[in-house]
Amino acid sequence: MIEPSPIADHSAAMEDAELVRWALQGDTTAQGRLVAKYQDRVVNLCWRMCGHLDDAQDLAQEAFVHALQRLNQYRFEAAFYTWLFRIAINECLAHRRKSKRVTLSLHRDMSSTSDSQGPMSRLIANEMRDELAEALGRLDDDQRAVIVLRDIEGLDYQQISDVLEISVGTVKSRLHRERLALREMLLANQSATARSR
């Protein structure tokens, strides 16, 4: 994965800070731009955390509503999207505690396979996504959050630390442990599939 340029990150953070300042003054256009800028990423984050697209869209909407209501609590110390992701993660965790269910529709709705691939390639890619979605669904919420934020959202260790409010060392150890757990689950699935053929 290619890391974003620090200059680009700094520029985006400055733009976000300016939008937040305008939004705090009641500028609905600035609020709309913040939502538009991060809507897809927040929906994707929620979808990966809860496993169901409809729920993810609702949770993302709730996250934005709460973020805009609490905008005066944003302290400009972390990047705005880090602060927003923390709110979205908290929404997802609260939802999961309430619903106590896992739906594994992570693979189809938001990441379609390219039409340029042949039927066999699409079939293999879909099977791999299904297996990964199932394995992610078996992780508990804290485990899944670290994997989603790093390997799907591309956040760095410090950003994940800020979002989850844990130390960078804890992020690294959880990430290592959860990647190993995912790998073992995927290998077990492949072995079971091979035996059943």
N, C-alpha and C. Protein backbone atom coordinates (compact mmCIF):
# COMPACT_ATOMS: atom_id res chain seq x y z
N MET A 1 0.84 -1.17 0.00
CA MET A 1 0.00 0.00 0.00
C MET A 1 0.89 1.24 0.00
N ILE A 2 0.56 2.21 -0.87
CA ILE A 2 1.34 3.45 -0.95
C ILE A 2 0.80 4.41 0.09
N GLU A 3 1.69 4.90 0.93
CA GLU A 3 1.29 5.86 1.96
C GLU A 3 1.06 7.23 1.32
N PRO A 4 0.03 7.98 1.76
CA PRO A 4 -0.20 9.30 1.22
C PRO A 4 0.93 10.25 1.60
N SER A 5 1.15 11.23 0.75
CA SER A 5 2.20 12.21 1.00
C SER A 5 1.89 13.02 2.25
N PRO A 6 2.89 13.27 3.11
CA PRO A 6 2.66 14.10 4.30
C PRO A 6 2.19 15.51 3.91
N ILE A 7 2.66 15.99 2.77
CA ILE A 7 2.24 17.32 2.31
C ILE A 7 0.75 17.31 1.99
N ALA A 8 0.30 16.25 1.29
CA ALA A 8 -1.12 16.14 0.96
C ALA A 8 -1.95 16.01 2.23
N ASP A 9 -1.48 15.21 3.19
CA ASP A 9 -2.19 15.05 4.46
C ASP A 9 -2.30 16.39 5.18
N HIS A 10 -1.21 17.16 5.21
CA HIS A 10 -1.20 18.46 5.88
C HIS A 10 -2.18 19.41 5.20
N SER A 11 -2.17 19.42 3.88
CA SER A 11 -3.06 20.28 3.12
C SER A 11 -4.52 19.92 3.38
N ALA A 12 -4.83 18.62 3.39
CA ALA A 12 -6.19 18.17 3.67
C ALA A 12 -6.61 18.55 5.09
N ALA A 13 -5.69 18.41 6.05
CA ALA A 13 -5.99 18.76 7.43
C ALA A 13 -6.28 20.26 7.56
N MET A 14 -5.50 21.07 6.84
CA MET A 14 -5.73 22.52 6.88
C MET A 14 -7.10 22.86 6.26
N GLU A 15 -7.42 22.21 5.15
CA GLU A 15 -8.72 22.44 4.51
C GLU A 15 -9.85 22.03 5.44
N ASP A 16 -9.70 20.86 6.08
CA ASP A 16 -10.72 20.39 7.03
C ASP A 16 -10.89 21.37 8.18
N ALA A 17 -9.78 21.84 8.73
CA ALA A 17 -9.84 22.78 9.85
C ALA A 17 -10.60 24.04 9.45
N GLU A 18 -10.34 24.51 8.24
CA GLU A 18 -11.05 25.71 7.74
C GLU A 18 -12.54 25.43 7.60
N LEU A 19 -12.88 24.26 7.05
CA LEU A 19 -14.29 23.89 6.90
C LEU A 19 -14.97 23.78 8.27
N VAL A 20 -14.27 23.19 9.23
CA VAL A 20 -14.84 23.06 10.58
C VAL A 20 -15.09 24.45 11.17
N ARG A 21 -14.14 25.35 11.00
CA ARG A 21 -14.32 26.72 11.54
C ARG A 21 -15.56 27.39 10.93
N TRP A 22 -15.72 27.22 9.61
CA TRP A 22 -16.89 27.81 8.96
C TRP A 22 -18.17 27.10 9.44
N ALA A 23 -18.12 25.79 9.56
CA ALA A 23 -19.29 25.03 10.01
C ALA A 23 -19.70 25.44 11.43
N LEU A 24 -18.71 25.70 12.27
CA LEU A 24 -19.01 26.14 13.64
C LEU A 24 -19.73 27.48 13.68
N GLN A 25 -19.54 28.25 12.62
CA GLN A 25 -20.22 29.54 12.53
C GLN A 25 -21.59 29.41 11.85
N GLY A 26 -22.01 28.16 11.62
CA GLY A 26 -23.34 27.92 11.05
C GLY A 26 -23.37 27.82 9.54
N ASP A 27 -22.22 27.76 8.89
CA ASP A 27 -22.17 27.66 7.43
C ASP A 27 -22.56 26.24 7.01
N THR A 28 -23.78 26.10 6.47
CA THR A 28 -24.26 24.77 6.08
C THR A 28 -23.53 24.23 4.85
N THR A 29 -23.00 25.11 4.03
CA THR A 29 -22.21 24.66 2.87
C THR A 29 -20.95 23.96 3.35
N ALA A 30 -20.29 24.52 4.36
CA ALA A 30 -19.09 23.90 4.92
C ALA A 30 -19.43 22.55 5.55
N GLN A 31 -20.56 22.48 6.25
CA GLN A 31 -21.00 21.21 6.82
C GLN A 31 -21.21 20.18 5.71
N GLY A 32 -21.89 20.61 4.64
CA GLY A 32 -22.14 19.72 3.52
C GLY A 32 -20.86 19.23 2.85
N ARG A 33 -19.86 20.12 2.77
CA ARG A 33 -18.59 19.72 2.16
C ARG A 33 -17.86 18.71 3.03
N LEU A 34 -17.92 18.85 4.34
CA LEU A 34 -17.31 17.86 5.24
C LEU A 34 -17.99 16.50 5.08
N VAL A 35 -19.31 16.51 5.01
CA VAL A 35 -20.05 15.26 4.84
C VAL A 35 -19.70 14.64 3.49
N ALA A 36 -19.75 15.44 2.43
CA ALA A 36 -19.46 14.91 1.09
C ALA A 36 -18.05 14.35 1.00
N LYS A 37 -17.11 15.01 1.64
CA LYS A 37 -15.71 14.59 1.57
C LYS A 37 -15.49 13.23 2.21
N TYR A 38 -16.18 12.95 3.30
CA TYR A 38 -15.91 11.72 4.07
C TYR A 38 -17.04 10.71 4.05
N GLN A 39 -18.12 10.99 3.37
CA GLN A 39 -19.29 10.11 3.40
C GLN A 39 -18.95 8.69 2.95
N ASP A 40 -18.31 8.54 1.80
CA ASP A 40 -18.00 7.20 1.30
C ASP A 40 -17.09 6.43 2.25
N ARG A 41 -16.09 7.11 2.79
CA ARG A 41 -15.16 6.44 3.70
C ARG A 41 -15.85 6.02 4.99
N VAL A 42 -16.73 6.86 5.50
CA VAL A 42 -17.42 6.52 6.75
C VAL A 42 -18.42 5.39 6.52
N VAL A 43 -19.14 5.42 5.40
CA VAL A 43 -20.06 4.31 5.09
C VAL A 43 -19.26 3.01 4.96
N ASN A 44 -18.13 3.07 4.25
CA ASN A 44 -17.30 1.88 4.08
C ASN A 44 -16.79 1.36 5.42
N LEU A 45 -16.33 2.27 6.27
CA LEU A 45 -15.87 1.88 7.61
C LEU A 45 -17.00 1.18 8.38
N CYS A 46 -18.17 1.79 8.39
CA CYS A 46 -19.31 1.22 9.12
C CYS A 46 -19.72 -0.12 8.53
N TRP A 47 -19.69 -0.21 7.21
CA TRP A 47 -20.06 -1.45 6.53
C TRP A 47 -19.10 -2.58 6.90
N ARG A 48 -17.81 -2.26 6.93
CA ARG A 48 -16.82 -3.28 7.31
C ARG A 48 -16.94 -3.67 8.78
N MET A 49 -17.40 -2.74 9.59
CA MET A 49 -17.53 -3.03 11.03
C MET A 49 -18.81 -3.81 11.34
N CYS A 50 -19.93 -3.47 10.66
CA CYS A 50 -21.20 -4.09 11.05
C CYS A 50 -21.62 -5.19 10.09
N GLY A 51 -21.10 -5.19 8.87
CA GLY A 51 -21.36 -6.29 7.96
C GLY A 51 -22.62 -6.19 7.14
N HIS A 52 -23.36 -5.11 7.21
CA HIS A 52 -24.61 -4.98 6.47
C HIS A 52 -24.70 -3.57 5.91
N LEU A 53 -24.88 -3.45 4.60
CA LEU A 53 -24.83 -2.14 3.96
C LEU A 53 -25.91 -1.18 4.44
N ASP A 54 -27.14 -1.68 4.59
CA ASP A 54 -28.23 -0.79 5.05
C ASP A 54 -27.93 -0.24 6.43
N ASP A 55 -27.48 -1.11 7.33
CA ASP A 55 -27.11 -0.66 8.67
C ASP A 55 -25.95 0.33 8.60
N ALA A 56 -24.99 0.04 7.72
CA ALA A 56 -23.81 0.92 7.60
C ALA A 56 -24.21 2.31 7.17
N GLN A 57 -25.14 2.40 6.23
CA GLN A 57 -25.59 3.72 5.78
C GLN A 57 -26.29 4.47 6.90
N ASP A 58 -27.11 3.76 7.67
CA ASP A 58 -27.78 4.38 8.82
C ASP A 58 -26.76 4.83 9.87
N LEU A 59 -25.79 3.96 10.15
CA LEU A 59 -24.77 4.28 11.15
C LEU A 59 -23.91 5.46 10.71
N ALA A 60 -23.58 5.51 9.43
CA ALA A 60 -22.79 6.63 8.92
C ALA A 60 -23.58 7.93 9.07
N GLN A 61 -24.86 7.87 8.75
CA GLN A 61 -25.70 9.06 8.90
C GLN A 61 -25.73 9.50 10.36
N GLU A 62 -25.90 8.55 11.27
CA GLU A 62 -25.88 8.88 12.71
C GLU A 62 -24.54 9.48 13.12
N ALA A 63 -23.46 8.92 12.60
CA ALA A 63 -22.12 9.43 12.93
C ALA A 63 -21.99 10.89 12.48
N PHE A 64 -22.46 11.20 11.28
CA PHE A 64 -22.38 12.58 10.80
C PHE A 64 -23.27 13.51 11.61
N VAL A 65 -24.47 13.05 11.95
CA VAL A 65 -25.36 13.87 12.77
C VAL A 65 -24.70 14.19 14.10
N HIS A 66 -24.15 13.15 14.75
CA HIS A 66 -23.50 13.37 16.05
C HIS A 66 -22.25 14.23 15.91
N ALA A 67 -21.49 14.01 14.85
CA ALA A 67 -20.28 14.82 14.64
C ALA A 67 -20.65 16.29 14.48
N LEU A 68 -21.67 16.57 13.67
CA LEU A 68 -22.05 17.97 13.45
C LEU A 68 -22.66 18.58 14.71
N GLN A 69 -23.38 17.77 15.48
CA GLN A 69 -23.93 18.28 16.74
C GLN A 69 -22.83 18.58 17.76
N ARG A 70 -21.73 17.79 17.70
CA ARG A 70 -20.64 17.93 18.67
C ARG A 70 -19.43 18.65 18.08
N LEU A 71 -19.61 19.33 17.00
CA LEU A 71 -18.48 19.95 16.31
C LEU A 71 -17.71 20.90 17.23
N ASN A 72 -18.41 21.50 18.17
CA ASN A 72 -17.72 22.40 19.10
C ASN A 72 -16.80 21.65 20.05
N GLN A 73 -16.90 20.31 20.08
CA GLN A 73 -16.00 19.50 20.92
C GLN A 73 -14.72 19.11 20.18
N TYR A 74 -14.70 19.33 18.88
CA TYR A 74 -13.49 19.02 18.10
C TYR A 74 -12.40 20.02 18.48
N ARG A 75 -11.23 19.52 18.86
CA ARG A 75 -10.17 20.36 19.41
C ARG A 75 -9.04 20.68 18.44
N PHE A 76 -9.14 20.23 17.19
CA PHE A 76 -8.12 20.52 16.18
C PHE A 76 -6.76 19.91 16.51
N GLU A 77 -6.71 18.96 17.45
CA GLU A 77 -5.44 18.32 17.81
C GLU A 77 -5.13 17.15 16.88
N ALA A 78 -6.14 16.38 16.53
CA ALA A 78 -6.00 15.27 15.59
C ALA A 78 -6.66 15.70 14.28
N ALA A 79 -6.41 14.96 13.22
CA ALA A 79 -7.07 15.25 11.95
C ALA A 79 -8.58 15.09 12.13
N PHE A 80 -9.34 15.89 11.41
CA PHE A 80 -10.79 15.84 11.53
C PHE A 80 -11.33 14.44 11.24
N TYR A 81 -10.81 13.79 10.17
CA TYR A 81 -11.35 12.47 9.84
C TYR A 81 -11.03 11.45 10.93
N THR A 82 -9.93 11.62 11.66
CA THR A 82 -9.63 10.73 12.78
C THR A 82 -10.70 10.89 13.85
N TRP A 83 -11.03 12.13 14.15
CA TRP A 83 -12.08 12.42 15.13
C TRP A 83 -13.42 11.86 14.66
N LEU A 84 -13.73 12.05 13.38
CA LEU A 84 -14.97 11.56 12.79
C LEU A 84 -15.02 10.03 12.81
N PHE A 85 -13.89 9.39 12.48
CA PHE A 85 -13.84 7.93 12.48
C PHE A 85 -14.07 7.38 13.89
N ARG A 86 -13.57 8.08 14.90
CA ARG A 86 -13.79 7.64 16.28
C ARG A 86 -15.29 7.64 16.58
N ILE A 87 -15.99 8.68 16.16
CA ILE A 87 -17.44 8.75 16.37
C ILE A 87 -18.12 7.61 15.62
N ALA A 88 -17.71 7.36 14.38
CA ALA A 88 -18.31 6.28 13.58
C ALA A 88 -18.05 4.92 14.20
N ILE A 89 -16.83 4.68 14.66
CA ILE A 89 -16.50 3.41 15.32
C ILE A 89 -17.38 3.23 16.56
N ASN A 90 -17.53 4.28 17.35
CA ASN A 90 -18.36 4.20 18.55
C ASN A 90 -19.81 3.89 18.20
N GLU A 91 -20.32 4.48 17.11
CA GLU A 91 -21.68 4.19 16.65
C GLU A 91 -21.79 2.70 16.30
N CYS A 92 -20.79 2.19 15.59
CA CYS A 92 -20.80 0.77 15.18
C CYS A 92 -20.75 -0.15 16.38
N LEU A 93 -19.89 0.16 17.33
CA LEU A 93 -19.78 -0.69 18.52
C LEU A 93 -21.07 -0.68 19.33
N ALA A 94 -21.69 0.48 19.45
CA ALA A 94 -22.97 0.57 20.18
C ALA A 94 -24.04 -0.23 19.44
N HIS A 95 -24.05 -0.13 18.13
CA HIS A 95 -25.02 -0.87 17.32
C HIS A 95 -24.83 -2.37 17.51
N ARG A 96 -23.58 -2.82 17.47
CA ARG A 96 -23.29 -4.25 17.60
C ARG A 96 -23.69 -4.76 18.98
N ARG A 97 -23.44 -3.94 20.01
CA ARG A 97 -23.83 -4.36 21.36
C ARG A 97 -25.35 -4.51 21.45
N LYS A 98 -26.07 -3.60 20.78
CA LYS A 98 -27.54 -3.66 20.81
C LYS A 98 -28.08 -4.83 20.00
N SER A 99 -27.54 -5.02 18.82
CA SER A 99 -28.13 -6.01 17.92
C SER A 99 -27.64 -7.42 18.16
N LYS A 100 -26.38 -7.56 18.62
CA LYS A 100 -25.79 -8.88 18.88
C LYS A 100 -25.91 -9.81 17.68
N ARG A 101 -25.78 -9.21 16.48
CA ARG A 101 -25.84 -10.06 15.29
C ARG A 101 -24.73 -9.70 14.34
N VAL A 102 -24.35 -10.66 13.53
CA VAL A 102 -23.34 -10.43 12.50
C VAL A 102 -23.93 -10.88 11.18
N THR A 103 -23.97 -9.99 10.21
CA THR A 103 -24.42 -10.36 8.88
C THR A 103 -23.22 -10.24 7.97
N LEU A 104 -23.05 -11.21 7.13
CA LEU A 104 -21.84 -11.24 6.33
C LEU A 104 -22.12 -10.88 4.88
N SER A 105 -22.49 -9.64 4.64
CA SER A 105 -22.70 -9.19 3.27
C SER A 105 -21.61 -8.22 2.88
N LEU A 106 -20.43 -8.36 3.44
CA LEU A 106 -19.34 -7.42 3.22
C LEU A 106 -18.78 -7.45 1.81
N HIS A 107 -19.06 -8.44 1.04
CA HIS A 107 -18.31 -8.66 -0.18
C HIS A 107 -18.93 -8.10 -1.44
N ARG A 108 -20.22 -7.96 -1.55
CA ARG A 108 -20.78 -7.66 -2.85
C ARG A 108 -21.19 -6.20 -3.04
N ASP A 109 -21.83 -5.62 -2.06
CA ASP A 109 -22.49 -4.34 -2.29
C ASP A 109 -21.57 -3.20 -2.68
N MET A 110 -20.38 -3.13 -2.09
CA MET A 110 -19.56 -1.94 -2.31
C MET A 110 -18.28 -2.20 -3.07
N SER A 111 -17.94 -3.44 -3.36
CA SER A 111 -16.69 -3.68 -4.06
C SER A 111 -16.93 -4.66 -5.19
N SER A 112 -17.51 -4.16 -6.28
CA SER A 112 -17.82 -5.04 -7.40
C SER A 112 -16.56 -5.41 -8.14
N THR A 113 -16.57 -6.59 -8.70
CA THR A 113 -15.44 -7.08 -9.46
C THR A 113 -15.46 -6.42 -10.83
N SER A 114 -14.30 -6.12 -11.34
CA SER A 114 -14.20 -5.46 -12.64
C SER A 114 -14.82 -6.30 -13.75
N ASP A 115 -15.55 -5.62 -14.66
CA ASP A 115 -16.15 -6.30 -15.80
C ASP A 115 -15.11 -6.82 -16.77
N SER A 116 -13.89 -6.29 -16.69
CA SER A 116 -12.86 -6.71 -17.62
C SER A 116 -12.31 -8.10 -17.29
N GLN A 117 -12.61 -8.61 -16.09
CA GLN A 117 -12.15 -9.94 -15.70
C GLN A 117 -13.05 -11.00 -16.33
N GLY A 118 -12.47 -12.14 -16.59
CA GLY A 118 -13.25 -13.25 -17.11
C GLY A 118 -14.11 -13.86 -16.04
N PRO A 119 -15.05 -14.75 -16.43
CA PRO A 119 -15.96 -15.35 -15.45
C PRO A 119 -15.24 -16.13 -14.36
N MET A 120 -14.18 -16.86 -14.70
CA MET A 120 -13.45 -17.64 -13.70
C MET A 120 -12.75 -16.71 -12.70
N SER A 121 -12.13 -15.65 -13.22
CA SER A 121 -11.46 -14.68 -12.34
C SER A 121 -12.44 -14.02 -11.39
N ARG A 122 -13.63 -13.67 -11.91
CA ARG A 122 -14.66 -13.05 -11.06
C ARG A 122 -15.13 -14.03 -9.99
N LEU A 123 -15.30 -15.29 -10.38
CA LEU A 123 -15.74 -16.31 -9.42
C LEU A 123 -14.72 -16.48 -8.29
N ILE A 124 -13.45 -16.57 -8.65
CA ILE A 124 -12.39 -16.73 -7.64
C ILE A 124 -12.32 -15.51 -6.74
N ALA A 125 -12.39 -14.32 -7.35
CA ALA A 125 -12.33 -13.08 -6.56
C ALA A 125 -13.52 -13.00 -5.60
N ASN A 126 -14.71 -13.38 -6.07
CA ASN A 126 -15.89 -13.36 -5.20
C ASN A 126 -15.76 -14.36 -4.07
N GLU A 127 -15.24 -15.56 -4.36
CA GLU A 127 -15.05 -16.55 -3.30
C GLU A 127 -14.06 -16.06 -2.25
N MET A 128 -12.98 -15.42 -2.72
CA MET A 128 -11.99 -14.90 -1.78
C MET A 128 -12.61 -13.81 -0.91
N ARG A 129 -13.41 -12.92 -1.51
CA ARG A 129 -14.06 -11.87 -0.74
C ARG A 129 -15.03 -12.47 0.28
N ASP A 130 -15.76 -13.52 -0.16
CA ASP A 130 -16.69 -14.19 0.76
C ASP A 130 -15.95 -14.75 1.96
N GLU A 131 -14.83 -15.43 1.69
CA GLU A 131 -14.04 -16.02 2.78
C GLU A 131 -13.49 -14.95 3.71
N LEU A 132 -12.98 -13.87 3.14
CA LEU A 132 -12.45 -12.78 3.97
C LEU A 132 -13.56 -12.15 4.80
N ALA A 133 -14.73 -11.93 4.18
CA ALA A 133 -15.86 -11.34 4.91
C ALA A 133 -16.28 -12.23 6.07
N GLU A 134 -16.32 -13.54 5.81
CA GLU A 134 -16.70 -14.47 6.87
C GLU A 134 -15.68 -14.46 8.01
N ALA A 135 -14.40 -14.45 7.65
CA ALA A 135 -13.35 -14.42 8.67
C ALA A 135 -13.41 -13.12 9.47
N LEU A 136 -13.60 -11.98 8.80
CA LEU A 136 -13.73 -10.70 9.50
C LEU A 136 -14.92 -10.72 10.45
N GLY A 137 -16.00 -11.33 10.00
CA GLY A 137 -17.21 -11.41 10.82
C GLY A 137 -17.02 -12.22 12.08
N ARG A 138 -16.05 -13.13 12.08
CA ARG A 138 -15.79 -13.96 13.27
C ARG A 138 -14.92 -13.25 14.30
N LEU A 139 -14.26 -12.17 13.90
CA LEU A 139 -13.45 -11.42 14.86
C LEU A 139 -14.36 -10.60 15.76
N ASP A 140 -13.93 -10.35 16.99
CA ASP A 140 -14.76 -9.47 17.82
C ASP A 140 -14.55 -8.02 17.38
N ASP A 141 -15.36 -7.13 17.91
CA ASP A 141 -15.40 -5.75 17.42
C ASP A 141 -14.05 -5.05 17.49
N ASP A 142 -13.35 -5.19 18.62
CA ASP A 142 -12.06 -4.52 18.77
C ASP A 142 -11.04 -5.06 17.79
N GLN A 143 -11.06 -6.36 17.58
CA GLN A 143 -10.14 -6.98 16.63
C GLN A 143 -10.43 -6.49 15.21
N ARG A 144 -11.71 -6.50 14.84
CA ARG A 144 -12.10 -6.10 13.49
C ARG A 144 -11.75 -4.63 13.24
N ALA A 145 -11.92 -3.79 14.24
CA ALA A 145 -11.66 -2.36 14.07
C ALA A 145 -10.22 -2.09 13.65
N VAL A 146 -9.27 -2.76 14.28
CA VAL A 146 -7.86 -2.54 13.95
C VAL A 146 -7.57 -2.95 12.51
N ILE A 147 -8.07 -4.11 12.11
CA ILE A 147 -7.87 -4.59 10.74
C ILE A 147 -8.51 -3.65 9.73
N VAL A 148 -9.75 -3.26 9.97
CA VAL A 148 -10.47 -2.39 9.03
C VAL A 148 -9.76 -1.05 8.90
N LEU A 149 -9.38 -0.44 10.02
CA LEU A 149 -8.76 0.88 9.97
C LEU A 149 -7.40 0.85 9.28
N ARG A 150 -6.63 -0.21 9.48
CA ARG A 150 -5.29 -0.26 8.88
C ARG A 150 -5.31 -0.82 7.46
N ASP A 151 -5.89 -1.99 7.29
CA ASP A 151 -5.76 -2.70 6.02
C ASP A 151 -6.81 -2.31 4.99
N ILE A 152 -7.91 -1.74 5.43
CA ILE A 152 -8.94 -1.32 4.47
C ILE A 152 -8.97 0.20 4.34
N GLU A 153 -8.95 0.91 5.46
CA GLU A 153 -8.98 2.37 5.40
C GLU A 153 -7.60 3.00 5.21
N GLY A 154 -6.53 2.25 5.50
CA GLY A 154 -5.18 2.75 5.27
C GLY A 154 -4.69 3.76 6.29
N LEU A 155 -5.30 3.80 7.47
CA LEU A 155 -4.83 4.73 8.51
C LEU A 155 -3.48 4.25 9.04
N ASP A 156 -2.65 5.21 9.46
CA ASP A 156 -1.37 4.82 10.05
C ASP A 156 -1.58 4.48 11.53
N TYR A 157 -0.51 3.98 12.18
CA TYR A 157 -0.64 3.51 13.56
C TYR A 157 -1.11 4.61 14.51
N GLN A 158 -0.57 5.82 14.34
CA GLN A 158 -0.96 6.91 15.22
C GLN A 158 -2.42 7.28 15.03
N GLN A 159 -2.88 7.29 13.79
CA GLN A 159 -4.29 7.61 13.53
C GLN A 159 -5.20 6.55 14.15
N ILE A 160 -4.83 5.29 14.02
CA ILE A 160 -5.62 4.22 14.63
C ILE A 160 -5.62 4.36 16.14
N SER A 161 -4.47 4.70 16.69
CA SER A 161 -4.34 4.93 18.12
C SER A 161 -5.31 6.04 18.56
N ASP A 162 -5.36 7.11 17.78
CA ASP A 162 -6.27 8.23 18.10
C ASP A 162 -7.73 7.81 17.99
N VAL A 163 -8.08 7.08 16.93
CA VAL A 163 -9.47 6.67 16.72
C VAL A 163 -9.93 5.74 17.83
N LEU A 164 -9.12 4.73 18.15
CA LEU A 164 -9.53 3.71 19.12
C LEU A 164 -9.15 4.05 20.56
N GLU A 165 -8.37 5.13 20.71
CA GLU A 165 -7.94 5.59 22.02
C GLU A 165 -7.17 4.50 22.77
N ILE A 166 -6.22 3.91 22.04
CA ILE A 166 -5.30 2.94 22.62
C ILE A 166 -3.89 3.34 22.19
N SER A 167 -2.87 2.77 22.82
CA SER A 167 -1.50 3.15 22.50
C SER A 167 -1.10 2.60 21.13
N VAL A 168 -0.08 3.22 20.53
CA VAL A 168 0.44 2.76 19.26
C VAL A 168 0.96 1.32 19.40
N GLY A 169 1.62 1.03 20.52
CA GLY A 169 2.10 -0.33 20.76
C GLY A 169 0.98 -1.35 20.78
N THR A 170 -0.15 -0.98 21.39
CA THR A 170 -1.31 -1.87 21.42
C THR A 170 -1.87 -2.06 20.02
N VAL A 171 -1.89 -0.98 19.23
CA VAL A 171 -2.35 -1.08 17.84
C VAL A 171 -1.50 -2.10 17.10
N LYS A 172 -0.17 -1.97 17.21
CA LYS A 172 0.74 -2.85 16.48
C LYS A 172 0.56 -4.30 16.92
N SER A 173 0.47 -4.54 18.22
CA SER A 173 0.35 -5.93 18.68
C SER A 173 -1.00 -6.52 18.30
N ARG A 174 -2.08 -5.72 18.39
CA ARG A 174 -3.39 -6.23 17.98
C ARG A 174 -3.41 -6.53 16.48
N LEU A 175 -2.83 -5.63 15.70
CA LEU A 175 -2.81 -5.82 14.26
C LEU A 175 -2.07 -7.09 13.90
N HIS A 176 -0.92 -7.30 14.51
CA HIS A 176 -0.14 -8.51 14.24
C HIS A 176 -0.94 -9.76 14.61
N ARG A 177 -1.52 -9.73 15.80
CA ARG A 177 -2.29 -10.88 16.30
C ARG A 177 -3.52 -11.16 15.42
N GLU A 178 -4.22 -10.10 15.03
CA GLU A 178 -5.45 -10.29 14.26
C GLU A 178 -5.17 -10.71 12.82
N ARG A 179 -4.06 -10.22 12.26
CA ARG A 179 -3.69 -10.70 10.92
C ARG A 179 -3.37 -12.18 10.96
N LEU A 180 -2.68 -12.63 11.99
CA LEU A 180 -2.39 -14.06 12.14
C LEU A 180 -3.68 -14.85 12.30
N ALA A 181 -4.60 -14.33 13.10
CA ALA A 181 -5.88 -15.02 13.31
C ALA A 181 -6.66 -15.12 11.99
N LEU A 182 -6.68 -14.03 11.23
CA LEU A 182 -7.36 -14.05 9.93
C LEU A 182 -6.72 -15.06 8.99
N ARG A 183 -5.40 -15.07 8.98
CA ARG A 183 -4.66 -15.99 8.11
C ARG A 183 -5.00 -17.44 8.47
N GLU A 184 -5.03 -17.74 9.77
CA GLU A 184 -5.36 -19.10 10.20
C GLU A 184 -6.78 -19.49 9.81
N MET A 185 -7.71 -18.54 9.95
CA MET A 185 -9.10 -18.83 9.56
C MET A 185 -9.20 -19.09 8.07
N LEU A 186 -8.52 -18.26 7.28
CA LEU A 186 -8.57 -18.43 5.82
C LEU A 186 -7.93 -19.74 5.40
N LEU A 187 -6.81 -20.09 6.02
CA LEU A 187 -6.16 -21.36 5.70
C LEU A 187 -7.04 -22.55 6.10
N ALA A 188 -7.72 -22.45 7.24
CA ALA A 188 -8.62 -23.51 7.69
C ALA A 188 -9.79 -23.66 6.71
N ASN A 189 -10.31 -22.52 6.22
CA ASN A 189 -11.41 -22.56 5.24
C ASN A 189 -10.95 -23.24 3.96
N GLN A 190 -9.74 -22.89 3.50
CA GLN A 190 -9.22 -23.48 2.27
C GLN A 190 -9.02 -24.98 2.44
N SER A 191 -8.50 -25.40 3.59
CA SER A 191 -8.30 -26.83 3.85
C SER A 191 -9.64 -27.57 3.87
N ALA A 192 -10.64 -26.97 4.52
CA ALA A 192 -11.96 -27.59 4.60
C ALA A 192 -12.58 -27.70 3.20
N THR A 193 -12.42 -26.66 2.40
CA THR A 193 -12.95 -26.65 1.03
C THR A 193 -12.27 -27.73 0.19
N ALA A 194 -10.95 -27.83 0.34
CA ALA A 194 -10.19 -28.82 -0.44
C ALA A 194 -10.61 -30.25 -0.05
N ARG A 195 -10.87 -30.48 1.25
CA ARG A 195 -11.27 -31.82 1.70
C ARG A 195 -12.67 -32.18 1.19
N SER A 196 -13.53 -31.15 1.06
CA SER A 196 -14.92 -31.44 0.65
C SER A 196 -15.05 -31.68 -0.85
N ARG A 197 -13.99 -31.39 -1.62
CA ARG A 197 -14.06 -31.59 -3.08
C ARG A 197 -13.71 -32.99 -3.46
